[in-house]
Amino acid sequence: GLTCGRDDNSSVSVMYRPPFAFRGGTLREVVVDVSGEHLHDEQKERQTVMARQ
């Protein structure tokens, strides 16, 4: 899911220790634009299918 102002899970490095809460301001508006072209990752899709079997 989408998290705004805080990241509790998906670390990109072992040096990254959540939660890294947003500090120093207020999120007044968040806009997520999903109107563009969808990315299609065939390799990821194959991995998902294989993992389900």
C-alpha atoms as a PDB file:
ATOM      1  CA  GLY A   1       0.000   0.000   0.000  1.00  0.00           C
ATOM      2  CA  LEU A   2       0.851   3.636  -0.064  1.00  0.00           C
ATOM      3  CA  THR A   3       2.301   5.316   2.998  1.00  0.00           C
ATOM      4  CA  CYS A   4       2.737   9.087   3.282  1.00  0.00           C
ATOM      5  CA  GLY A   5       5.113  10.651   5.766  1.00  0.00           C
ATOM      6  CA  ARG A   6       6.373   7.375   7.208  1.00  0.00           C
ATOM      7  CA  ASP A   7       8.001   4.184   5.922  1.00  0.00           C
ATOM      8  CA  ASP A   8       7.652   1.113   8.103  1.00  0.00           C
ATOM      9  CA  ASN A   9       8.662  -1.749   5.837  1.00  0.00           C
ATOM     10  CA  SER A  10      10.506  -1.901   2.564  1.00  0.00           C
ATOM     11  CA  SER A  11      14.095  -0.991   3.308  1.00  0.00           C
ATOM     12  CA  VAL A  12      16.517  -0.519   0.440  1.00  0.00           C
ATOM     13  CA  SER A  13      19.575  -1.313   2.553  1.00  0.00           C
ATOM     14  CA  VAL A  14      20.435  -3.085   5.809  1.00  0.00           C
ATOM     15  CA  MET A  15      21.633   0.335   6.997  1.00  0.00           C
ATOM     16  CA  TYR A  16      18.081   1.684   6.658  1.00  0.00           C
ATOM     17  CA  ARG A  17      16.189   1.256   9.894  1.00  0.00           C
ATOM     18  CA  PRO A  18      12.513   2.195   9.842  1.00  0.00           C
ATOM     19  CA  PRO A  19      10.500   4.033  10.817  1.00  0.00           C
ATOM     20  CA  PHE A  20      11.825   7.163   9.208  1.00  0.00           C
ATOM     21  CA  ALA A  21       8.956   9.487   9.967  1.00  0.00           C
ATOM     22  CA  PHE A  22       8.682  12.759   8.078  1.00  0.00           C
ATOM     23  CA  ARG A  23       9.596  15.611  10.416  1.00  0.00           C
ATOM     24  CA  GLY A  24       9.692  19.342  10.043  1.00  0.00           C
ATOM     25  CA  GLY A  25       6.394  20.080   8.372  1.00  0.00           C
ATOM     26  CA  THR A  26       2.872  19.049   7.582  1.00  0.00           C
ATOM     27  CA  LEU A  27       1.711  17.116   4.553  1.00  0.00           C
ATOM     28  CA  ARG A  28      -1.219  19.190   3.373  1.00  0.00           C
ATOM     29  CA  GLU A  29      -1.761  17.458   0.055  1.00  0.00           C
ATOM     30  CA  VAL A  30      -0.526  14.323  -1.665  1.00  0.00           C
ATOM     31  CA  VAL A  31      -1.250  13.708  -5.332  1.00  0.00           C
ATOM     32  CA  VAL A  32      -0.762  10.282  -6.889  1.00  0.00           C
ATOM     33  CA  ASP A  33      -1.079  10.336 -10.664  1.00  0.00           C
ATOM     34  CA  VAL A  34      -1.713   6.888 -12.107  1.00  0.00           C
ATOM     35  CA  SER A  35      -3.022   8.101 -15.445  1.00  0.00           C
ATOM     36  CA  GLY A  36       0.152   7.352 -17.399  1.00  0.00           C
ATOM     37  CA  GLU A  37       1.182   4.159 -19.156  1.00  0.00           C
ATOM     38  CA  HIS A  38       1.355   1.076 -16.995  1.00  0.00           C
ATOM     39  CA  LEU A  39       4.731  -0.604 -16.764  1.00  0.00           C
ATOM     40  CA  HIS A  40       4.714  -4.272 -17.650  1.00  0.00           C
ATOM     41  CA  ASP A  41       7.585  -6.297 -16.173  1.00  0.00           C
ATOM     42  CA  GLU A  42       7.420  -9.670 -17.916  1.00  0.00           C
ATOM     43  CA  GLN A  43      10.211 -11.177 -15.822  1.00  0.00           C
ATOM     44  CA  LYS A  44       8.495 -10.187 -12.582  1.00  0.00           C
ATOM     45  CA  GLU A  45       5.221 -11.580 -13.877  1.00  0.00           C
ATOM     46  CA  ARG A  46       6.885 -14.929 -14.715  1.00  0.00           C
ATOM     47  CA  GLN A  47       8.469 -15.062 -11.252  1.00  0.00           C
ATOM     48  CA  THR A  48       5.086 -14.455  -9.653  1.00  0.00           C
ATOM     49  CA  VAL A  49       3.446 -17.202 -11.708  1.00  0.00           C
ATOM     50  CA  MET A  50       6.235 -19.666 -10.866  1.00  0.00           C
ATOM     51  CA  ALA A  51       6.060 -18.822  -7.157  1.00  0.00           C
ATOM     52  CA  ARG A  52       2.341 -19.608  -7.111  1.00  0.00           C
ATOM     53  CA  GLN A  53       2.819 -23.081  -8.626  1.00  0.00           C
END
